[in-house]
Amino acid sequence: VQLQASGGGLVHTGGSLRLSCAASGFPFDDYDIGWFRQAPGKDREGVSCAGSGDGTTYYTDSVKGRFTISRDRAKNTVYLEMNVLTPEDTATYYCAARPTTGLEYEYWGRGTLVTVSS
């Protein structure tokens, strides 16, 4: 099982980044894929989630209208398009997979660092 997050980097306030989460080793279509982030000294928080089958999505309030999550089933990849970034978005971003019928995220990838400079 592998979840490979990529796409992080350094951007200025107001900039954009697209994170990718490439999944392998499990039935991608049967899992919800979520993005989480953890800033230095803070707890990890859920940012967004893409449901496995019905196209449902979730966003935490602070990113609504700025972030967009999408799934490419052909590539077993989930993307997080992040726009109008602010320094408060600075964190390490992780993707994780949860069975559609489950409550807990079973698989986690290594993070990708996003740094937004003011």
C-alpha atoms as a PDB file:
ATOM      1  CA  VAL A   1       0.000   0.000   0.000  1.00  0.00           C
ATOM      2  CA  GLN A   2       1.310   3.399  -0.907  1.00  0.00           C
ATOM      3  CA  LEU A   3       0.018   6.936  -0.793  1.00  0.00           C
ATOM      4  CA  GLN A   4       2.462   9.345  -2.320  1.00  0.00           C
ATOM      5  CA  ALA A   5       1.772  13.011  -1.695  1.00  0.00           C
ATOM      6  CA  SER A   6       3.574  15.582  -3.790  1.00  0.00           C
ATOM      7  CA  GLY A   7       3.311  19.123  -5.060  1.00  0.00           C
ATOM      8  CA  GLY A   8       4.234  21.110  -2.002  1.00  0.00           C
ATOM      9  CA  GLY A   9       6.559  24.066  -2.153  1.00  0.00           C
ATOM     10  CA  LEU A  10       7.103  27.700  -1.332  1.00  0.00           C
ATOM     11  CA  VAL A  11       4.672  30.312  -2.611  1.00  0.00           C
ATOM     12  CA  HIS A  12       3.823  33.890  -1.817  1.00  0.00           C
ATOM     13  CA  THR A  13       0.558  34.970  -0.255  1.00  0.00           C
ATOM     14  CA  GLY A  14      -2.184  34.775  -2.833  1.00  0.00           C
ATOM     15  CA  GLY A  15      -0.438  32.088  -4.812  1.00  0.00           C
ATOM     16  CA  SER A  16      -1.570  28.622  -5.795  1.00  0.00           C
ATOM     17  CA  LEU A  17      -0.362  25.067  -5.568  1.00  0.00           C
ATOM     18  CA  ARG A  18      -1.758  21.720  -6.632  1.00  0.00           C
ATOM     19  CA  LEU A  19      -1.075  18.752  -4.419  1.00  0.00           C
ATOM     20  CA  SER A  20      -1.290  15.213  -5.750  1.00  0.00           C
ATOM     21  CA  CYS A  21      -1.876  11.983  -3.884  1.00  0.00           C
ATOM     22  CA  ALA A  22      -1.049   8.895  -5.921  1.00  0.00           C
ATOM     23  CA  ALA A  23      -2.491   5.692  -4.477  1.00  0.00           C
ATOM     24  CA  SER A  24      -1.555   2.084  -5.062  1.00  0.00           C
ATOM     25  CA  GLY A  25      -1.921  -1.299  -3.439  1.00  0.00           C
ATOM     26  CA  PHE A  26      -5.583  -1.078  -2.443  1.00  0.00           C
ATOM     27  CA  PRO A  27      -8.934  -0.738  -4.245  1.00  0.00           C
ATOM     28  CA  PHE A  28      -8.915   2.996  -4.851  1.00  0.00           C
ATOM     29  CA  ASP A  29     -12.578   3.164  -5.829  1.00  0.00           C
ATOM     30  CA  ASP A  30     -13.624   1.698  -2.479  1.00  0.00           C
ATOM     31  CA  TYR A  31     -11.867   4.306  -0.391  1.00  0.00           C
ATOM     32  CA  ASP A  32     -12.490   7.899   0.542  1.00  0.00           C
ATOM     33  CA  ILE A  33      -9.357   9.996   0.221  1.00  0.00           C
ATOM     34  CA  GLY A  34      -8.740  12.816   2.630  1.00  0.00           C
ATOM     35  CA  TRP A  35      -6.212  15.611   2.933  1.00  0.00           C
ATOM     36  CA  PHE A  36      -4.955  16.643   6.333  1.00  0.00           C
ATOM     37  CA  ARG A  37      -2.433  19.210   7.431  1.00  0.00           C
ATOM     38  CA  GLN A  38      -0.327  19.896  10.448  1.00  0.00           C
ATOM     39  CA  ALA A  39       1.339  23.185  11.131  1.00  0.00           C
ATOM     40  CA  PRO A  40       4.269  23.475  13.536  1.00  0.00           C
ATOM     41  CA  GLY A  41       3.033  23.392  17.108  1.00  0.00           C
ATOM     42  CA  LYS A  42      -0.544  22.671  16.108  1.00  0.00           C
ATOM     43  CA  ASP A  43      -2.758  19.628  15.971  1.00  0.00           C
ATOM     44  CA  ARG A  44      -3.432  17.865  12.727  1.00  0.00           C
ATOM     45  CA  GLU A  45      -6.638  18.989  11.054  1.00  0.00           C
ATOM     46  CA  GLY A  46      -8.767  17.604   8.294  1.00  0.00           C
ATOM     47  CA  VAL A  47      -8.743  19.846   5.249  1.00  0.00           C
ATOM     48  CA  SER A  48     -10.773  18.093   2.596  1.00  0.00           C
ATOM     49  CA  CYS A  49     -12.125  14.721   1.576  1.00  0.00           C
ATOM     50  CA  ALA A  50     -13.297  13.163  -1.667  1.00  0.00           C
ATOM     51  CA  GLY A  51     -15.833  10.376  -1.335  1.00  0.00           C
ATOM     52  CA  SER A  52     -15.248   7.142  -3.139  1.00  0.00           C
ATOM     53  CA  GLY A  53     -18.311   6.728  -5.248  1.00  0.00           C
ATOM     54  CA  ASP A  54     -20.888   9.485  -5.231  1.00  0.00           C
ATOM     55  CA  GLY A  55     -18.667  12.448  -5.760  1.00  0.00           C
ATOM     56  CA  THR A  56     -19.261  13.927  -2.350  1.00  0.00           C
ATOM     57  CA  THR A  57     -16.652  16.307  -1.062  1.00  0.00           C
ATOM     58  CA  TYR A  58     -15.895  17.936   2.242  1.00  0.00           C
ATOM     59  CA  TYR A  59     -13.944  21.064   3.085  1.00  0.00           C
ATOM     60  CA  THR A  60     -13.080  22.554   6.389  1.00  0.00           C
ATOM     61  CA  ASP A  61     -14.468  26.060   6.720  1.00  0.00           C
ATOM     62  CA  SER A  62     -11.150  27.837   6.443  1.00  0.00           C
ATOM     63  CA  VAL A  63     -10.494  26.539   2.925  1.00  0.00           C
ATOM     64  CA  LYS A  64     -13.980  26.651   1.431  1.00  0.00           C
ATOM     65  CA  GLY A  65     -14.009  28.613  -1.777  1.00  0.00           C
ATOM     66  CA  ARG A  66     -10.220  28.434  -2.089  1.00  0.00           C
ATOM     67  CA  PHE A  67      -9.418  24.707  -2.252  1.00  0.00           C
ATOM     68  CA  THR A  68     -10.853  22.134  -4.635  1.00  0.00           C
ATOM     69  CA  ILE A  69     -10.459  18.387  -4.306  1.00  0.00           C
ATOM     70  CA  SER A  70     -10.848  16.027  -7.233  1.00  0.00           C
ATOM     71  CA  ARG A  71     -10.294  12.367  -8.090  1.00  0.00           C
ATOM     72  CA  ASP A  72      -8.817  10.898 -11.250  1.00  0.00           C
ATOM     73  CA  ARG A  73      -9.897   7.272 -11.179  1.00  0.00           C
ATOM     74  CA  ALA A  74      -7.858   6.377 -14.228  1.00  0.00           C
ATOM     75  CA  LYS A  75      -4.710   7.459 -12.428  1.00  0.00           C
ATOM     76  CA  ASN A  76      -5.718   6.470  -8.888  1.00  0.00           C
ATOM     77  CA  THR A  77      -4.846   9.994  -7.886  1.00  0.00           C
ATOM     78  CA  VAL A  78      -6.534  12.672  -5.830  1.00  0.00           C
ATOM     79  CA  TYR A  79      -5.666  16.320  -6.309  1.00  0.00           C
ATOM     80  CA  LEU A  80      -6.016  19.290  -4.009  1.00  0.00           C
ATOM     81  CA  GLU A  81      -6.019  22.555  -5.887  1.00  0.00           C
ATOM     82  CA  MET A  82      -5.172  25.333  -3.455  1.00  0.00           C
ATOM     83  CA  ASN A  83      -5.719  28.964  -4.401  1.00  0.00           C
ATOM     84  CA  VAL A  84      -5.425  32.298  -2.639  1.00  0.00           C
ATOM     85  CA  LEU A  85      -2.986  30.800  -0.192  1.00  0.00           C
ATOM     86  CA  THR A  86      -2.186  32.601   3.026  1.00  0.00           C
ATOM     87  CA  PRO A  87       0.540  32.073   5.630  1.00  0.00           C
ATOM     88  CA  GLU A  88      -2.095  30.312   7.754  1.00  0.00           C
ATOM     89  CA  ASP A  89      -2.089  27.519   5.156  1.00  0.00           C
ATOM     90  CA  THR A  90       1.554  26.780   5.878  1.00  0.00           C
ATOM     91  CA  ALA A  91       1.764  23.169   7.033  1.00  0.00           C
ATOM     92  CA  THR A  92       2.765  19.697   6.091  1.00  0.00           C
ATOM     93  CA  TYR A  93      -0.048  18.177   4.087  1.00  0.00           C
ATOM     94  CA  TYR A  94      -0.851  14.480   4.220  1.00  0.00           C
ATOM     95  CA  CYS A  95      -3.249  12.330   2.282  1.00  0.00           C
ATOM     96  CA  ALA A  96      -4.980   9.332   3.770  1.00  0.00           C
ATOM     97  CA  ALA A  97      -7.409   6.613   2.715  1.00  0.00           C
ATOM     98  CA  ARG A  98     -10.502   5.423   4.539  1.00  0.00           C
ATOM     99  CA  PRO A  99     -12.776   2.572   3.470  1.00  0.00           C
ATOM    100  CA  THR A 100     -16.115   3.898   2.299  1.00  0.00           C
ATOM    101  CA  THR A 101     -17.877   1.924   5.019  1.00  0.00           C
ATOM    102  CA  GLY A 102     -15.299   2.677   7.669  1.00  0.00           C
ATOM    103  CA  LEU A 103     -14.744   5.396  10.219  1.00  0.00           C
ATOM    104  CA  GLU A 104     -10.994   5.445  10.484  1.00  0.00           C
ATOM    105  CA  TYR A 105      -8.333   6.328   7.944  1.00  0.00           C
ATOM    106  CA  GLU A 106      -6.322   3.164   7.409  1.00  0.00           C
ATOM    107  CA  TYR A 107      -3.518   4.304   5.175  1.00  0.00           C
ATOM    108  CA  TRP A 108      -1.424   7.438   5.393  1.00  0.00           C
ATOM    109  CA  GLY A 109       1.141   8.891   3.097  1.00  0.00           C
ATOM    110  CA  ARG A 110       4.192  10.907   3.897  1.00  0.00           C
ATOM    111  CA  GLY A 111       3.570  14.585   3.926  1.00  0.00           C
ATOM    112  CA  THR A 112       4.430  17.314   1.520  1.00  0.00           C
ATOM    113  CA  LEU A 113       5.399  20.693   2.900  1.00  0.00           C
ATOM    114  CA  VAL A 114       3.545  23.825   1.876  1.00  0.00           C
ATOM    115  CA  THR A 115       5.054  27.132   2.897  1.00  0.00           C
ATOM    116  CA  VAL A 116       3.289  30.399   2.184  1.00  0.00           C
ATOM    117  CA  SER A 117       5.357  33.503   2.678  1.00  0.00           C
ATOM    118  CA  SER A 118       3.845  36.851   3.572  1.00  0.00           C
END
